[in-house]
Amino acid sequence: KQCTPYYLPAFAYSLDTLEKRFEEFRAKPLSDTGTESLGFVSPMCLSRDDLIIKLGCLYGFRLKIQEKKISPSKVKEVVSQRVSKIMEEKPGLDQAKLENEYYGQVKEEILRLEIPSVNYVTAFIDTESGYLFVNDKSDKRCAQLLKLLRHSLGSFVALPVDTEYQPSDVLSRALQGEGKLSDFLRVDYYEQIKAVGDKATKQISFKGIQIEKDELEVLKGKSITQMGLVFCANEDETWAITIASKRDKYFYILNFVEPIPNSNLLADRLFSTCDDDFNANWLITADRLNRIIYSLNESFGGRIESNRESEEFVAQLKEAQLMSVTEENISEGAKALLEGTE
């Protein structure tokens, strides 16, 4: 289970509006010659019709991604074979022109034979804290989710969680005992650690061993790009976290986040679906993720606000979310947001 957090400067949509907008983008089968299809499906069970659920301040939804990938070299190889046969019979023809003419045709033929890959991305929005939590660490799949949200809602602004200090540097100092994390976080010296030196090609990785004096000496001065942490939610509940960041970057993602099993098992409660405790599990998940993100942000010097969080911008964004471009009284700024020209 993974988590990529985003901050939402504003989210004023009603459940009714979201249901109507999402319905227009319900998942459909990928066409025979299509390469990508994005659509919403039920976040609870694929056999259900509802595309979004509301639990208190939470909105949960799920994206279905269908893709077909073909190698351009494979297309060129087939085109070359066909054109070569034609040129043998009619050597006077323009070979380059023939290749251009056949490329699209061959590409469609190959696409028709390809079976699409299918991925699902679950996410939920906490309107109280202002965070969007995406259950995925893939930059591409997160971008596809945001793309569909913008297409369906028109004025959806999601910001990466940038912090005052570079997470990789803070983690490096914490690992060496030279810096302090939030009171609720501690380093997991048994978890895999990855680091880079002055050049990204100089990668260091330790896995399956306890990080002790010799390993710490090797890691000293390096930028930590992946490290295990333990979040102490309370006396009886701890969560395992694997945080990932990049050298010289100010944002992070959670490659892994899950409750550490004990006598009161919570391991299945993160982004859990299709079970009797669905509502309670999502509420627990939201609470813990908010607390984890708060503790991480605190450790990294706090979240940095962008110019898209100004009072004027947020007011225009809320107006755009609550109104339609057909409304006569909508401001030009809000109209621009809805039309995607912000």
C-alpha atoms as a PDB file:
ATOM      1  CA  LYS A   1       0.000   0.000   0.000  1.00  0.00           C
ATOM      2  CA  GLN A   2       1.361   3.370  -1.050  1.00  0.00           C
ATOM      3  CA  CYS A   3       0.443   7.028  -0.776  1.00  0.00           C
ATOM      4  CA  THR A   4       1.176  10.124  -2.817  1.00  0.00           C
ATOM      5  CA  PRO A   5      -0.237  13.211  -1.053  1.00  0.00           C
ATOM      6  CA  TYR A   6      -1.428  16.416  -2.721  1.00  0.00           C
ATOM      7  CA  TYR A   7      -2.735  19.594  -1.154  1.00  0.00           C
ATOM      8  CA  LEU A   8      -5.971  21.134  -2.454  1.00  0.00           C
ATOM      9  CA  PRO A   9      -6.234  24.934  -2.034  1.00  0.00           C
ATOM     10  CA  ALA A  10     -10.008  24.610  -2.358  1.00  0.00           C
ATOM     11  CA  PHE A  11     -12.626  21.910  -2.784  1.00  0.00           C
ATOM     12  CA  ALA A  12     -16.207  23.148  -2.767  1.00  0.00           C
ATOM     13  CA  TYR A  13     -17.964  20.513  -4.871  1.00  0.00           C
ATOM     14  CA  SER A  14     -21.111  18.876  -3.556  1.00  0.00           C
ATOM     15  CA  LEU A  15     -21.672  15.130  -3.727  1.00  0.00           C
ATOM     16  CA  ASP A  16     -24.460  15.672  -6.272  1.00  0.00           C
ATOM     17  CA  THR A  17     -22.147  17.673  -8.550  1.00  0.00           C
ATOM     18  CA  LEU A  18     -19.372  15.100  -8.274  1.00  0.00           C
ATOM     19  CA  GLU A  19     -21.746  12.251  -9.095  1.00  0.00           C
ATOM     20  CA  LYS A  20     -23.001  14.036 -12.211  1.00  0.00           C
ATOM     21  CA  ARG A  21     -19.521  15.001 -13.410  1.00  0.00           C
ATOM     22  CA  PHE A  22     -18.027  11.564 -12.741  1.00  0.00           C
ATOM     23  CA  GLU A  23     -20.905   9.832 -14.537  1.00  0.00           C
ATOM     24  CA  GLU A  24     -19.849  11.566 -17.757  1.00  0.00           C
ATOM     25  CA  PHE A  25     -16.446   9.933 -17.353  1.00  0.00           C
ATOM     26  CA  ARG A  26     -17.540   6.450 -16.300  1.00  0.00           C
ATOM     27  CA  ALA A  27     -15.021   3.824 -17.448  1.00  0.00           C
ATOM     28  CA  LYS A  28     -15.675   2.366 -20.899  1.00  0.00           C
ATOM     29  CA  PRO A  29     -13.881  -0.416 -22.800  1.00  0.00           C
ATOM     30  CA  LEU A  30     -10.784   0.696 -24.675  1.00  0.00           C
ATOM     31  CA  SER A  31     -11.414   0.826 -28.418  1.00  0.00           C
ATOM     32  CA  ASP A  32      -9.682  -1.678 -30.704  1.00  0.00           C
ATOM     33  CA  THR A  33      -7.191   0.909 -31.939  1.00  0.00           C
ATOM     34  CA  GLY A  34      -7.042   3.096 -28.826  1.00  0.00           C
ATOM     35  CA  THR A  35      -3.924   3.416 -26.674  1.00  0.00           C
ATOM     36  CA  GLU A  36      -5.379   4.832 -23.441  1.00  0.00           C
ATOM     37  CA  SER A  37      -8.735   4.957 -21.691  1.00  0.00           C
ATOM     38  CA  LEU A  38      -9.310   6.648 -18.325  1.00  0.00           C
ATOM     39  CA  GLY A  39     -12.579   6.355 -16.430  1.00  0.00           C
ATOM     40  CA  PHE A  40     -14.135   6.140 -12.982  1.00  0.00           C
ATOM     41  CA  VAL A  41     -15.387   2.909 -11.413  1.00  0.00           C
ATOM     42  CA  SER A  42     -16.875   2.189  -8.005  1.00  0.00           C
ATOM     43  CA  PRO A  43     -14.336   2.626  -5.180  1.00  0.00           C
ATOM     44  CA  MET A  44     -16.013  -0.130  -3.171  1.00  0.00           C
ATOM     45  CA  CYS A  45     -16.687  -2.960  -5.611  1.00  0.00           C
ATOM     46  CA  LEU A  46     -16.400  -3.101  -9.398  1.00  0.00           C
ATOM     47  CA  SER A  47     -19.895  -4.575  -9.700  1.00  0.00           C
ATOM     48  CA  ARG A  48     -21.468  -1.517  -8.060  1.00  0.00           C
ATOM     49  CA  ASP A  49     -22.730   1.524  -9.965  1.00  0.00           C
ATOM     50  CA  ASP A  50     -21.729   4.289  -7.550  1.00  0.00           C
ATOM     51  CA  LEU A  51     -18.617   6.167  -8.691  1.00  0.00           C
ATOM     52  CA  ILE A  52     -17.955   8.127  -5.521  1.00  0.00           C
ATOM     53  CA  ILE A  53     -18.675   7.654  -1.832  1.00  0.00           C
ATOM     54  CA  LYS A  54     -18.944  10.259   0.907  1.00  0.00           C
ATOM     55  CA  LEU A  55     -18.056   9.466   4.513  1.00  0.00           C
ATOM     56  CA  GLY A  56     -18.202  12.571   6.654  1.00  0.00           C
ATOM     57  CA  CYS A  57     -15.536  14.871   5.218  1.00  0.00           C
ATOM     58  CA  LEU A  58     -14.145  12.143   2.934  1.00  0.00           C
ATOM     59  CA  TYR A  59     -14.825  11.591  -0.770  1.00  0.00           C
ATOM     60  CA  GLY A  60     -13.540   8.263  -2.095  1.00  0.00           C
ATOM     61  CA  PHE A  61     -13.217   7.263  -5.753  1.00  0.00           C
ATOM     62  CA  ARG A  62     -11.294   4.952  -8.075  1.00  0.00           C
ATOM     63  CA  LEU A  63      -9.748   5.342 -11.513  1.00  0.00           C
ATOM     64  CA  LYS A  64      -9.560   2.561 -14.096  1.00  0.00           C
ATOM     65  CA  ILE A  65      -6.631   2.849 -16.503  1.00  0.00           C
ATOM     66  CA  GLN A  66      -6.610   0.807 -19.714  1.00  0.00           C
ATOM     67  CA  GLU A  67      -3.556   1.018 -21.948  1.00  0.00           C
ATOM     68  CA  LYS A  68      -2.098  -0.603 -25.028  1.00  0.00           C
ATOM     69  CA  LYS A  69       1.603  -0.270 -25.688  1.00  0.00           C
ATOM     70  CA  ILE A  70       3.303  -1.241 -28.910  1.00  0.00           C
ATOM     71  CA  SER A  71       6.921  -0.854 -29.881  1.00  0.00           C
ATOM     72  CA  PRO A  72       7.552   1.682 -32.683  1.00  0.00           C
ATOM     73  CA  SER A  73      10.410  -0.550 -33.838  1.00  0.00           C
ATOM     74  CA  LYS A  74       7.957  -3.448 -34.234  1.00  0.00           C
ATOM     75  CA  VAL A  75       5.687  -1.276 -36.391  1.00  0.00           C
ATOM     76  CA  LYS A  76       8.641  -0.111 -38.490  1.00  0.00           C
ATOM     77  CA  GLU A  77       9.792  -3.703 -38.961  1.00  0.00           C
ATOM     78  CA  VAL A  78       6.412  -4.818 -40.338  1.00  0.00           C
ATOM     79  CA  VAL A  79       6.170  -1.694 -42.514  1.00  0.00           C
ATOM     80  CA  SER A  80       9.655  -2.320 -43.867  1.00  0.00           C
ATOM     81  CA  GLN A  81       8.777  -5.909 -44.794  1.00  0.00           C
ATOM     82  CA  ARG A  82       5.617  -4.877 -46.645  1.00  0.00           C
ATOM     83  CA  VAL A  83       7.240  -1.984 -48.466  1.00  0.00           C
ATOM     84  CA  SER A  84      10.205  -4.161 -49.481  1.00  0.00           C
ATOM     85  CA  LYS A  85       7.866  -6.637 -51.201  1.00  0.00           C
ATOM     86  CA  ILE A  86       6.097  -3.807 -53.025  1.00  0.00           C
ATOM     87  CA  MET A  87       9.415  -2.258 -54.104  1.00  0.00           C
ATOM     88  CA  GLU A  88      10.542  -5.598 -55.525  1.00  0.00           C
ATOM     89  CA  GLU A  89       7.522  -5.618 -57.827  1.00  0.00           C
ATOM     90  CA  LYS A  90       7.479  -1.862 -58.493  1.00  0.00           C
ATOM     91  CA  PRO A  91      11.009  -0.482 -57.934  1.00  0.00           C
ATOM     92  CA  GLY A  92      10.103   2.929 -59.304  1.00  0.00           C
ATOM     93  CA  LEU A  93       7.837   3.881 -56.382  1.00  0.00           C
ATOM     94  CA  ASP A  94       8.815   6.346 -53.640  1.00  0.00           C
ATOM     95  CA  GLN A  95       9.888   4.140 -50.709  1.00  0.00           C
ATOM     96  CA  ALA A  96       9.696   6.876 -48.044  1.00  0.00           C
ATOM     97  CA  LYS A  97       6.191   7.833 -49.155  1.00  0.00           C
ATOM     98  CA  LEU A  98       5.061   4.203 -49.020  1.00  0.00           C
ATOM     99  CA  GLU A  99       6.477   3.766 -45.520  1.00  0.00           C
ATOM    100  CA  ASN A 100       4.570   6.833 -44.308  1.00  0.00           C
ATOM    101  CA  GLU A 101       1.357   5.566 -45.894  1.00  0.00           C
ATOM    102  CA  TYR A 102       1.624   2.108 -44.345  1.00  0.00           C
ATOM    103  CA  TYR A 103       2.794   3.164 -40.882  1.00  0.00           C
ATOM    104  CA  GLY A 104      -0.658   4.197 -39.576  1.00  0.00           C
ATOM    105  CA  GLN A 105      -2.326   1.145 -41.122  1.00  0.00           C
ATOM    106  CA  VAL A 106       0.167  -1.299 -39.611  1.00  0.00           C
ATOM    107  CA  LYS A 107       0.002   0.431 -36.239  1.00  0.00           C
ATOM    108  CA  GLU A 108      -3.784  -0.015 -36.141  1.00  0.00           C
ATOM    109  CA  GLU A 109      -3.490  -3.680 -37.149  1.00  0.00           C
ATOM    110  CA  ILE A 110      -1.039  -4.370 -34.322  1.00  0.00           C
ATOM    111  CA  LEU A 111      -3.148  -2.425 -31.809  1.00  0.00           C
ATOM    112  CA  ARG A 112      -6.181  -4.556 -32.669  1.00  0.00           C
ATOM    113  CA  LEU A 113      -4.215  -7.654 -31.662  1.00  0.00           C
ATOM    114  CA  GLU A 114      -2.921  -6.216 -28.384  1.00  0.00           C
ATOM    115  CA  ILE A 115      -4.631  -6.981 -25.076  1.00  0.00           C
ATOM    116  CA  PRO A 116      -4.822  -3.829 -22.926  1.00  0.00           C
ATOM    117  CA  SER A 117      -3.236  -3.668 -19.498  1.00  0.00           C
ATOM    118  CA  VAL A 118      -5.598  -2.637 -16.692  1.00  0.00           C
ATOM    119  CA  ASN A 119      -4.662  -0.744 -13.526  1.00  0.00           C
ATOM    120  CA  TYR A 120      -6.801   0.720 -10.760  1.00  0.00           C
ATOM    121  CA  VAL A 121      -5.917   3.734  -8.630  1.00  0.00           C
ATOM    122  CA  THR A 122      -7.910   4.382  -5.464  1.00  0.00           C
ATOM    123  CA  ALA A 123      -7.897   7.812  -3.836  1.00  0.00           C
ATOM    124  CA  PHE A 124      -9.810   9.925  -1.383  1.00  0.00           C
ATOM    125  CA  ILE A 125     -10.129  13.606  -0.602  1.00  0.00           C
ATOM    126  CA  ASP A 126     -10.281  14.853   2.973  1.00  0.00           C
ATOM    127  CA  THR A 127     -12.103  18.179   2.751  1.00  0.00           C
ATOM    128  CA  GLU A 128     -11.311  18.968   6.379  1.00  0.00           C
ATOM    129  CA  SER A 129      -7.521  18.760   6.053  1.00  0.00           C
ATOM    130  CA  GLY A 130      -7.452  19.711   2.366  1.00  0.00           C
ATOM    131  CA  TYR A 131      -5.469  16.671   1.252  1.00  0.00           C
ATOM    132  CA  LEU A 132      -5.896  14.296  -1.656  1.00  0.00           C
ATOM    133  CA  PHE A 133      -4.394  10.894  -0.850  1.00  0.00           C
ATOM    134  CA  VAL A 134      -3.625   8.690  -3.863  1.00  0.00           C
ATOM    135  CA  ASN A 135      -2.973   5.004  -3.221  1.00  0.00           C
ATOM    136  CA  ASP A 136      -0.111   4.827  -5.712  1.00  0.00           C
ATOM    137  CA  LYS A 137       3.529   5.876  -5.971  1.00  0.00           C
ATOM    138  CA  SER A 138       3.711   5.975  -9.774  1.00  0.00           C
ATOM    139  CA  ASP A 139       4.198   9.495 -11.158  1.00  0.00           C
ATOM    140  CA  LYS A 140       2.450   8.461 -14.360  1.00  0.00           C
ATOM    141  CA  ARG A 141      -0.641   6.950 -12.738  1.00  0.00           C
ATOM    142  CA  CYS A 142      -0.980   9.892 -10.343  1.00  0.00           C
ATOM    143  CA  ALA A 143      -0.756  12.238 -13.337  1.00  0.00           C
ATOM    144  CA  GLN A 144      -3.453  10.207 -15.125  1.00  0.00           C
ATOM    145  CA  LEU A 145      -5.732  10.510 -12.091  1.00  0.00           C
ATOM    146  CA  LEU A 146      -5.220  14.277 -11.883  1.00  0.00           C
ATOM    147  CA  LYS A 147      -5.766  14.536 -15.635  1.00  0.00           C
ATOM    148  CA  LEU A 148      -9.179  12.873 -15.402  1.00  0.00           C
ATOM    149  CA  LEU A 149     -10.166  14.952 -12.368  1.00  0.00           C
ATOM    150  CA  ARG A 150      -9.334  18.132 -14.290  1.00  0.00           C
ATOM    151  CA  HIS A 151     -11.251  16.942 -17.346  1.00  0.00           C
ATOM    152  CA  SER A 152     -14.311  15.994 -15.311  1.00  0.00           C
ATOM    153  CA  LEU A 153     -14.336  18.925 -12.869  1.00  0.00           C
ATOM    154  CA  GLY A 154     -12.667  21.670 -14.888  1.00  0.00           C
ATOM    155  CA  SER A 155     -11.239  23.601 -11.941  1.00  0.00           C
ATOM    156  CA  PHE A 156      -9.361  20.979  -9.973  1.00  0.00           C
ATOM    157  CA  VAL A 157      -6.050  22.246  -8.575  1.00  0.00           C
ATOM    158  CA  ALA A 158      -3.818  19.762  -6.704  1.00  0.00           C
ATOM    159  CA  LEU A 159      -0.405  20.831  -5.425  1.00  0.00           C
ATOM    160  CA  PRO A 160       2.544  18.582  -4.552  1.00  0.00           C
ATOM    161  CA  VAL A 161       3.486  18.683  -0.877  1.00  0.00           C
ATOM    162  CA  ASP A 162       6.684  20.746  -0.961  1.00  0.00           C
ATOM    163  CA  THR A 163       8.464  21.314   2.351  1.00  0.00           C
ATOM    164  CA  GLU A 164      10.864  23.937   3.724  1.00  0.00           C
ATOM    165  CA  TYR A 165      13.802  21.522   3.878  1.00  0.00           C
ATOM    166  CA  GLN A 166      14.782  18.767   1.483  1.00  0.00           C
ATOM    167  CA  PRO A 167      13.475  15.466   2.906  1.00  0.00           C
ATOM    168  CA  SER A 168      16.586  13.597   1.708  1.00  0.00           C
ATOM    169  CA  ASP A 169      18.844  15.892   3.768  1.00  0.00           C
ATOM    170  CA  VAL A 170      16.663  15.755   6.888  1.00  0.00           C
ATOM    171  CA  LEU A 171      16.506  11.956   6.702  1.00  0.00           C
ATOM    172  CA  SER A 172      20.274  11.783   6.305  1.00  0.00           C
ATOM    173  CA  ARG A 173      20.843  13.850   9.449  1.00  0.00           C
ATOM    174  CA  ALA A 174      18.210  11.897  11.396  1.00  0.00           C
ATOM    175  CA  LEU A 175      19.854   8.611  10.396  1.00  0.00           C
ATOM    176  CA  GLN A 176      23.199   9.830  11.749  1.00  0.00           C
ATOM    177  CA  GLY A 177      21.622  11.111  14.958  1.00  0.00           C
ATOM    178  CA  GLU A 178      22.449  14.698  13.968  1.00  0.00           C
ATOM    179  CA  GLY A 179      18.859  15.825  13.464  1.00  0.00           C
ATOM    180  CA  LYS A 180      15.473  15.261  15.046  1.00  0.00           C
ATOM    181  CA  LEU A 181      12.246  14.065  13.506  1.00  0.00           C
ATOM    182  CA  SER A 182       8.749  14.674  14.844  1.00  0.00           C
ATOM    183  CA  ASP A 183       8.053  13.141  18.261  1.00  0.00           C
ATOM    184  CA  PHE A 184       5.777  10.566  16.606  1.00  0.00           C
ATOM    185  CA  LEU A 185       8.415   9.296  14.157  1.00  0.00           C
ATOM    186  CA  ARG A 186      11.521   7.187  14.599  1.00  0.00           C
ATOM    187  CA  VAL A 187      14.042   5.652  12.218  1.00  0.00           C
ATOM    188  CA  ASP A 188      13.639   1.969  11.352  1.00  0.00           C
ATOM    189  CA  TYR A 189      17.232   0.708  11.250  1.00  0.00           C
ATOM    190  CA  TYR A 190      16.097  -2.697   9.958  1.00  0.00           C
ATOM    191  CA  GLU A 191      14.330  -1.388   6.844  1.00  0.00           C
ATOM    192  CA  GLN A 192      15.958  -1.015   3.420  1.00  0.00           C
ATOM    193  CA  ILE A 193      17.841   2.240   2.945  1.00  0.00           C
ATOM    194  CA  LYS A 194      18.798   3.791  -0.391  1.00  0.00           C
ATOM    195  CA  ALA A 195      21.068   6.786  -0.879  1.00  0.00           C
ATOM    196  CA  VAL A 196      22.978   8.670  -3.572  1.00  0.00           C
ATOM    197  CA  GLY A 197      26.218  10.615  -3.481  1.00  0.00           C
ATOM    198  CA  ASP A 198      27.127  13.795  -5.315  1.00  0.00           C
ATOM    199  CA  LYS A 199      26.106  12.105  -8.551  1.00  0.00           C
ATOM    200  CA  ALA A 200      22.840  10.234  -8.934  1.00  0.00           C
ATOM    201  CA  THR A 201      24.729   7.305 -10.484  1.00  0.00           C
ATOM    202  CA  LYS A 202      26.560   6.670  -7.199  1.00  0.00           C
ATOM    203  CA  GLN A 203      23.810   4.690  -5.535  1.00  0.00           C
ATOM    204  CA  ILE A 204      24.086   2.905  -2.196  1.00  0.00           C
ATOM    205  CA  SER A 205      21.596   0.387  -0.857  1.00  0.00           C
ATOM    206  CA  PHE A 206      21.375  -1.722   2.299  1.00  0.00           C
ATOM    207  CA  LYS A 207      18.675  -4.357   2.710  1.00  0.00           C
ATOM    208  CA  GLY A 208      18.055  -7.247   5.067  1.00  0.00           C
ATOM    209  CA  ILE A 209      20.513  -6.102   7.733  1.00  0.00           C
ATOM    210  CA  GLN A 210      20.471  -3.825  10.737  1.00  0.00           C
ATOM    211  CA  ILE A 211      22.018  -0.445   9.979  1.00  0.00           C
ATOM    212  CA  GLU A 212      24.871  -0.052  12.443  1.00  0.00           C
ATOM    213  CA  LYS A 213      28.136   1.864  12.797  1.00  0.00           C
ATOM    214  CA  ASP A 214      29.849   0.629   9.609  1.00  0.00           C
ATOM    215  CA  GLU A 215      26.786   1.197   7.434  1.00  0.00           C
ATOM    216  CA  LEU A 216      26.215   4.634   8.956  1.00  0.00           C
ATOM    217  CA  GLU A 217      29.782   5.596   8.078  1.00  0.00           C
ATOM    218  CA  VAL A 218      29.195   4.625   4.449  1.00  0.00           C
ATOM    219  CA  LEU A 219      25.932   6.606   4.380  1.00  0.00           C
ATOM    220  CA  LYS A 220      27.378   9.701   6.044  1.00  0.00           C
ATOM    221  CA  GLY A 221      26.972  12.804   3.901  1.00  0.00           C
ATOM    222  CA  LYS A 222      24.833  10.985   1.346  1.00  0.00           C
ATOM    223  CA  SER A 223      21.318  12.004   0.308  1.00  0.00           C
ATOM    224  CA  ILE A 224      18.769   9.469   1.531  1.00  0.00           C
ATOM    225  CA  THR A 225      16.310   8.612  -1.243  1.00  0.00           C
ATOM    226  CA  GLN A 226      14.454   5.842   0.596  1.00  0.00           C
ATOM    227  CA  MET A 227      14.232   4.997   4.272  1.00  0.00           C
ATOM    228  CA  GLY A 228      11.980   3.187   6.698  1.00  0.00           C
ATOM    229  CA  LEU A 229      10.259   5.025   9.522  1.00  0.00           C
ATOM    230  CA  VAL A 230       7.902   3.993  12.283  1.00  0.00           C
ATOM    231  CA  PHE A 231       4.938   6.210  13.143  1.00  0.00           C
ATOM    232  CA  CYS A 232       3.615   5.832  16.685  1.00  0.00           C
ATOM    233  CA  ALA A 233      -0.097   6.615  16.489  1.00  0.00           C
ATOM    234  CA  ASN A 234      -0.626   5.728  20.157  1.00  0.00           C
ATOM    235  CA  GLU A 235       0.684   3.303  22.775  1.00  0.00           C
ATOM    236  CA  ASP A 236      -0.946   0.302  21.103  1.00  0.00           C
ATOM    237  CA  GLU A 237      -0.699   1.219  17.431  1.00  0.00           C
ATOM    238  CA  THR A 238       2.331   1.757  15.197  1.00  0.00           C
ATOM    239  CA  TRP A 239       2.617   2.133  11.438  1.00  0.00           C
ATOM    240  CA  ALA A 240       5.474   1.147   9.144  1.00  0.00           C
ATOM    241  CA  ILE A 241       6.393   3.784   6.569  1.00  0.00           C
ATOM    242  CA  THR A 242       8.836   3.730   3.683  1.00  0.00           C
ATOM    243  CA  ILE A 243       9.423   7.305   2.586  1.00  0.00           C
ATOM    244  CA  ALA A 244      10.979   8.136  -0.774  1.00  0.00           C
ATOM    245  CA  SER A 245      12.379  11.411  -2.023  1.00  0.00           C
ATOM    246  CA  LYS A 246      14.892  12.658  -4.569  1.00  0.00           C
ATOM    247  CA  ARG A 247      18.134  14.515  -4.107  1.00  0.00           C
ATOM    248  CA  ASP A 248      17.655  18.297  -4.353  1.00  0.00           C
ATOM    249  CA  LYS A 249      13.845  17.947  -4.309  1.00  0.00           C
ATOM    250  CA  TYR A 250      11.420  19.268  -1.695  1.00  0.00           C
ATOM    251  CA  PHE A 251       8.604  16.726  -1.954  1.00  0.00           C
ATOM    252  CA  TYR A 252       8.177  13.102  -0.915  1.00  0.00           C
ATOM    253  CA  ILE A 253       5.925  10.087  -1.384  1.00  0.00           C
ATOM    254  CA  LEU A 254       5.210   7.034   0.729  1.00  0.00           C
ATOM    255  CA  ASN A 255       6.322   3.880  -1.084  1.00  0.00           C
ATOM    256  CA  PHE A 256       4.805   1.830   1.707  1.00  0.00           C
ATOM    257  CA  VAL A 257       2.489   2.664   4.590  1.00  0.00           C
ATOM    258  CA  GLU A 258       0.687   0.080   6.686  1.00  0.00           C
ATOM    259  CA  PRO A 259      -0.187  -0.683  10.315  1.00  0.00           C
ATOM    260  CA  ILE A 260       2.248  -2.970  12.097  1.00  0.00           C
ATOM    261  CA  PRO A 261       0.178  -6.026  13.117  1.00  0.00           C
ATOM    262  CA  ASN A 262      -0.446  -6.641  16.795  1.00  0.00           C
ATOM    263  CA  SER A 263      -3.223  -8.176  18.864  1.00  0.00           C
ATOM    264  CA  ASN A 264      -5.615  -5.602  17.410  1.00  0.00           C
ATOM    265  CA  LEU A 265      -4.961  -6.146  13.718  1.00  0.00           C
ATOM    266  CA  LEU A 266      -5.340  -3.115  11.464  1.00  0.00           C
ATOM    267  CA  ALA A 267      -3.289  -4.356   8.532  1.00  0.00           C
ATOM    268  CA  ASP A 268      -6.230  -4.519   6.134  1.00  0.00           C
ATOM    269  CA  ARG A 269      -7.635  -1.125   7.001  1.00  0.00           C
ATOM    270  CA  LEU A 270      -5.586   1.003   4.644  1.00  0.00           C
ATOM    271  CA  PHE A 271      -7.586   1.732   1.480  1.00  0.00           C
ATOM    272  CA  SER A 272      -9.583  -1.384   2.316  1.00  0.00           C
ATOM    273  CA  THR A 273     -12.500  -2.240   0.024  1.00  0.00           C
ATOM    274  CA  CYS A 274     -15.357  -4.721  -0.239  1.00  0.00           C
ATOM    275  CA  ASP A 275     -15.578  -5.629   3.437  1.00  0.00           C
ATOM    276  CA  ASP A 276     -17.997  -5.128   6.305  1.00  0.00           C
ATOM    277  CA  ASP A 277     -15.817  -2.491   7.966  1.00  0.00           C
ATOM    278  CA  PHE A 278     -15.373  -0.359   4.849  1.00  0.00           C
ATOM    279  CA  ASN A 279     -16.600   2.920   6.353  1.00  0.00           C
ATOM    280  CA  ALA A 280     -14.676   2.565   9.601  1.00  0.00           C
ATOM    281  CA  ASN A 281     -11.530   1.522   7.756  1.00  0.00           C
ATOM    282  CA  TRP A 282     -11.524   4.564   5.495  1.00  0.00           C
ATOM    283  CA  LEU A 283     -12.100   6.893   8.431  1.00  0.00           C
ATOM    284  CA  ILE A 284      -9.219   5.296  10.322  1.00  0.00           C
ATOM    285  CA  THR A 285      -7.023   5.476   7.227  1.00  0.00           C
ATOM    286  CA  ALA A 286      -7.766   9.168   6.702  1.00  0.00           C
ATOM    287  CA  ASP A 287      -7.035  10.027  10.312  1.00  0.00           C
ATOM    288  CA  ARG A 288      -3.720   8.157  10.337  1.00  0.00           C
ATOM    289  CA  LEU A 289      -2.575   9.480   6.968  1.00  0.00           C
ATOM    290  CA  ASN A 290      -3.335  13.039   8.031  1.00  0.00           C
ATOM    291  CA  ARG A 291      -1.321  12.541  11.205  1.00  0.00           C
ATOM    292  CA  ILE A 292       1.542  10.883   9.339  1.00  0.00           C
ATOM    293  CA  ILE A 293       1.696  13.660   6.731  1.00  0.00           C
ATOM    294  CA  TYR A 294       1.504  16.308   9.476  1.00  0.00           C
ATOM    295  CA  SER A 295       4.411  14.664  11.341  1.00  0.00           C
ATOM    296  CA  LEU A 296       6.497  14.356   8.173  1.00  0.00           C
ATOM    297  CA  ASN A 297       5.834  17.964   7.191  1.00  0.00           C
ATOM    298  CA  GLU A 298       6.770  19.056  10.704  1.00  0.00           C
ATOM    299  CA  SER A 299      10.017  17.077  10.439  1.00  0.00           C
ATOM    300  CA  PHE A 300      10.855  18.738   7.124  1.00  0.00           C
ATOM    301  CA  GLY A 301      10.250  22.301   8.304  1.00  0.00           C
ATOM    302  CA  GLY A 302       6.586  22.582   7.335  1.00  0.00           C
ATOM    303  CA  ARG A 303       4.683  22.630   4.058  1.00  0.00           C
ATOM    304  CA  ILE A 304       5.486  25.548   1.757  1.00  0.00           C
ATOM    305  CA  GLU A 305       2.510  27.527   0.465  1.00  0.00           C
ATOM    306  CA  SER A 306       2.397  28.406  -3.222  1.00  0.00           C
ATOM    307  CA  ASN A 307       0.945  31.440  -4.981  1.00  0.00           C
ATOM    308  CA  ARG A 308      -2.082  29.267  -5.766  1.00  0.00           C
ATOM    309  CA  GLU A 309      -3.069  29.493  -2.120  1.00  0.00           C
ATOM    310  CA  SER A 310      -3.542  33.256  -2.085  1.00  0.00           C
ATOM    311  CA  GLU A 311      -6.868  34.532  -0.801  1.00  0.00           C
ATOM    312  CA  GLU A 312      -7.812  35.880  -4.233  1.00  0.00           C
ATOM    313  CA  PHE A 313      -6.960  32.667  -6.097  1.00  0.00           C
ATOM    314  CA  VAL A 314      -8.775  30.448  -3.587  1.00  0.00           C
ATOM    315  CA  ALA A 315     -11.867  32.675  -3.784  1.00  0.00           C
ATOM    316  CA  GLN A 316     -11.904  32.409  -7.585  1.00  0.00           C
ATOM    317  CA  LEU A 317     -11.340  28.667  -7.405  1.00  0.00           C
ATOM    318  CA  LYS A 318     -14.237  28.138  -5.001  1.00  0.00           C
ATOM    319  CA  GLU A 319     -16.459  30.305  -7.190  1.00  0.00           C
ATOM    320  CA  ALA A 320     -15.534  28.241 -10.239  1.00  0.00           C
ATOM    321  CA  GLN A 321     -16.286  25.023  -8.375  1.00  0.00           C
ATOM    322  CA  LEU A 322     -19.668  26.216  -7.139  1.00  0.00           C
ATOM    323  CA  MET A 323     -20.855  27.822 -10.363  1.00  0.00           C
ATOM    324  CA  SER A 324     -21.050  27.076 -14.062  1.00  0.00           C
ATOM    325  CA  VAL A 325     -19.532  29.029 -16.949  1.00  0.00           C
ATOM    326  CA  THR A 326     -23.104  29.625 -18.077  1.00  0.00           C
ATOM    327  CA  GLU A 327     -23.826  31.687 -14.952  1.00  0.00           C
ATOM    328  CA  GLU A 328     -24.067  35.354 -15.886  1.00  0.00           C
ATOM    329  CA  ASN A 329     -22.487  36.627 -12.665  1.00  0.00           C
ATOM    330  CA  ILE A 330     -19.396  34.433 -12.651  1.00  0.00           C
ATOM    331  CA  SER A 331     -16.162  36.446 -12.537  1.00  0.00           C
ATOM    332  CA  GLU A 332     -13.647  36.359 -15.380  1.00  0.00           C
ATOM    333  CA  GLY A 333     -11.045  34.787 -13.079  1.00  0.00           C
ATOM    334  CA  ALA A 334     -13.363  31.956 -12.068  1.00  0.00           C
ATOM    335  CA  LYS A 335     -14.510  31.488 -15.658  1.00  0.00           C
ATOM    336  CA  ALA A 336     -10.874  31.145 -16.754  1.00  0.00           C
ATOM    337  CA  LEU A 337     -10.365  28.435 -14.138  1.00  0.00           C
ATOM    338  CA  LEU A 338     -13.359  26.478 -15.391  1.00  0.00           C
ATOM    339  CA  GLU A 339     -12.228  26.838 -18.986  1.00  0.00           C
ATOM    340  CA  GLY A 340      -8.782  25.540 -18.075  1.00  0.00           C
ATOM    341  CA  THR A 341      -6.875  28.735 -18.877  1.00  0.00           C
ATOM    342  CA  GLU A 342      -5.612  29.477 -15.367  1.00  0.00           C
END
